[in-house]
Amino acid sequence: MLELLTPAQLGIPGGPELLLVLLVAVLLFGANKIPKLARSTGEAMGEFQKGREEVEQELDEMRGSDASTTPATETASDGSSGKSL
């Protein structure tokens, strides 16, 4: 039966499907806990997005510093390459 369904038929749920999901959520969690769950989900999504942006910023900084640095071609008199560990 599943092989007969096309991806277009398994798309975004519409109005009746969303109402059914909301009804099941109210039955499972109760009407009092739904706002708390929505709030905590929103906070978690915000924290995730903030962390993702921080990682992207660090990656951009690393890419920028890699492009601006050139390898040291001169050697010091003691034989070191001039790079510090």
C-alpha atoms as a PDB file:
ATOM      1  CA  MET A   1       0.000   0.000   0.000  1.00  0.00           C
ATOM      2  CA  LEU A   2       2.820   2.432   0.781  1.00  0.00           C
ATOM      3  CA  GLU A   3       4.384   1.959  -2.632  1.00  0.00           C
ATOM      4  CA  LEU A   4       1.175   3.354  -4.158  1.00  0.00           C
ATOM      5  CA  LEU A   5       1.558   6.684  -2.337  1.00  0.00           C
ATOM      6  CA  THR A   6       3.544   9.377  -4.070  1.00  0.00           C
ATOM      7  CA  PRO A   7       5.618  11.982  -2.196  1.00  0.00           C
ATOM      8  CA  ALA A   8       3.003  14.623  -3.070  1.00  0.00           C
ATOM      9  CA  GLN A   9       0.408  12.647  -1.116  1.00  0.00           C
ATOM     10  CA  LEU A  10       2.665  12.552   1.967  1.00  0.00           C
ATOM     11  CA  GLY A  11       3.142  16.316   2.065  1.00  0.00           C
ATOM     12  CA  ILE A  12       2.491  18.894   4.757  1.00  0.00           C
ATOM     13  CA  PRO A  13      -0.546  18.091   6.906  1.00  0.00           C
ATOM     14  CA  GLY A  14      -3.571  20.259   6.295  1.00  0.00           C
ATOM     15  CA  GLY A  15      -6.324  21.570   8.559  1.00  0.00           C
ATOM     16  CA  PRO A  16      -8.034  18.319   9.601  1.00  0.00           C
ATOM     17  CA  GLU A  17      -4.718  16.595  10.274  1.00  0.00           C
ATOM     18  CA  LEU A  18      -3.472  19.477  12.432  1.00  0.00           C
ATOM     19  CA  LEU A  19      -6.705  19.463  14.430  1.00  0.00           C
ATOM     20  CA  LEU A  20      -6.309  15.733  15.027  1.00  0.00           C
ATOM     21  CA  VAL A  21      -2.709  16.220  16.206  1.00  0.00           C
ATOM     22  CA  LEU A  22      -3.825  19.035  18.533  1.00  0.00           C
ATOM     23  CA  LEU A  23      -6.610  16.856  19.946  1.00  0.00           C
ATOM     24  CA  VAL A  24      -4.192  14.002  20.620  1.00  0.00           C
ATOM     25  CA  ALA A  25      -1.764  16.421  22.293  1.00  0.00           C
ATOM     26  CA  VAL A  26      -4.510  17.751  24.567  1.00  0.00           C
ATOM     27  CA  LEU A  27      -5.543  14.220  25.476  1.00  0.00           C
ATOM     28  CA  LEU A  28      -1.970  13.131  26.211  1.00  0.00           C
ATOM     29  CA  PHE A  29      -0.675  16.171  28.090  1.00  0.00           C
ATOM     30  CA  GLY A  30      -3.769  17.981  29.312  1.00  0.00           C
ATOM     31  CA  ALA A  31      -4.835  21.502  28.455  1.00  0.00           C
ATOM     32  CA  ASN A  32      -2.801  23.035  31.313  1.00  0.00           C
ATOM     33  CA  LYS A  33       0.556  21.639  30.164  1.00  0.00           C
ATOM     34  CA  ILE A  34       0.297  22.567  26.470  1.00  0.00           C
ATOM     35  CA  PRO A  35       1.429  26.228  26.944  1.00  0.00           C
ATOM     36  CA  LYS A  36       4.348  25.091  29.134  1.00  0.00           C
ATOM     37  CA  LEU A  37       5.394  22.561  26.503  1.00  0.00           C
ATOM     38  CA  ALA A  38       5.154  25.169  23.734  1.00  0.00           C
ATOM     39  CA  ARG A  39       7.198  27.647  25.776  1.00  0.00           C
ATOM     40  CA  SER A  40       9.922  25.128  26.570  1.00  0.00           C
ATOM     41  CA  THR A  41      10.026  23.999  22.944  1.00  0.00           C
ATOM     42  CA  GLY A  42      10.425  27.602  21.806  1.00  0.00           C
ATOM     43  CA  GLU A  43      13.212  28.205  24.325  1.00  0.00           C
ATOM     44  CA  ALA A  44      15.005  25.044  23.221  1.00  0.00           C
ATOM     45  CA  MET A  45      14.752  26.083  19.581  1.00  0.00           C
ATOM     46  CA  GLY A  46      16.119  29.534  20.462  1.00  0.00           C
ATOM     47  CA  GLU A  47      19.079  28.032  22.341  1.00  0.00           C
ATOM     48  CA  PHE A  48      19.779  25.685  19.443  1.00  0.00           C
ATOM     49  CA  GLN A  49      19.703  28.549  16.944  1.00  0.00           C
ATOM     50  CA  LYS A  50      21.981  30.684  19.136  1.00  0.00           C
ATOM     51  CA  GLY A  51      24.470  27.814  19.424  1.00  0.00           C
ATOM     52  CA  ARG A  52      24.340  27.224  15.673  1.00  0.00           C
ATOM     53  CA  GLU A  53      25.017  30.900  14.992  1.00  0.00           C
ATOM     54  CA  GLU A  54      27.977  30.879  17.400  1.00  0.00           C
ATOM     55  CA  VAL A  55      29.477  27.847  15.657  1.00  0.00           C
ATOM     56  CA  GLU A  56      28.959  29.450  12.242  1.00  0.00           C
ATOM     57  CA  GLN A  57      30.617  32.650  13.477  1.00  0.00           C
ATOM     58  CA  GLU A  58      33.612  30.709  14.819  1.00  0.00           C
ATOM     59  CA  LEU A  59      33.924  28.838  11.517  1.00  0.00           C
ATOM     60  CA  ASP A  60      33.787  32.105   9.577  1.00  0.00           C
ATOM     61  CA  GLU A  61      36.493  33.570  11.831  1.00  0.00           C
ATOM     62  CA  MET A  62      38.655  30.487  11.303  1.00  0.00           C
ATOM     63  CA  ARG A  63      38.176  30.670   7.543  1.00  0.00           C
ATOM     64  CA  GLY A  64      39.026  34.364   7.568  1.00  0.00           C
ATOM     65  CA  SER A  65      42.202  33.879   9.588  1.00  0.00           C
ATOM     66  CA  ASP A  66      43.280  30.966   7.366  1.00  0.00           C
ATOM     67  CA  ALA A  67      42.936  33.098   4.250  1.00  0.00           C
ATOM     68  CA  SER A  68      44.824  36.051   5.730  1.00  0.00           C
ATOM     69  CA  THR A  69      47.812  34.103   7.047  1.00  0.00           C
ATOM     70  CA  THR A  70      50.631  33.050   4.796  1.00  0.00           C
ATOM     71  CA  PRO A  71      53.118  30.304   5.568  1.00  0.00           C
ATOM     72  CA  ALA A  72      56.422  31.448   7.035  1.00  0.00           C
ATOM     73  CA  THR A  73      59.165  31.095   4.456  1.00  0.00           C
ATOM     74  CA  GLU A  74      61.952  32.753   6.406  1.00  0.00           C
ATOM     75  CA  THR A  75      63.812  30.743   8.996  1.00  0.00           C
ATOM     76  CA  ALA A  76      65.270  32.176  12.146  1.00  0.00           C
ATOM     77  CA  SER A  77      68.951  31.923  12.923  1.00  0.00           C
ATOM     78  CA  ASP A  78      68.297  29.128  15.413  1.00  0.00           C
ATOM     79  CA  GLY A  79      66.637  26.971  12.758  1.00  0.00           C
ATOM     80  CA  SER A  80      63.039  27.405  13.902  1.00  0.00           C
ATOM     81  CA  SER A  81      60.363  28.356  11.435  1.00  0.00           C
ATOM     82  CA  GLY A  82      59.121  31.290  13.491  1.00  0.00           C
ATOM     83  CA  LYS A  83      55.864  29.580  14.486  1.00  0.00           C
ATOM     84  CA  SER A  84      55.104  29.171  18.143  1.00  0.00           C
ATOM     85  CA  LEU A  85      53.231  26.200  19.499  1.00  0.00           C
END
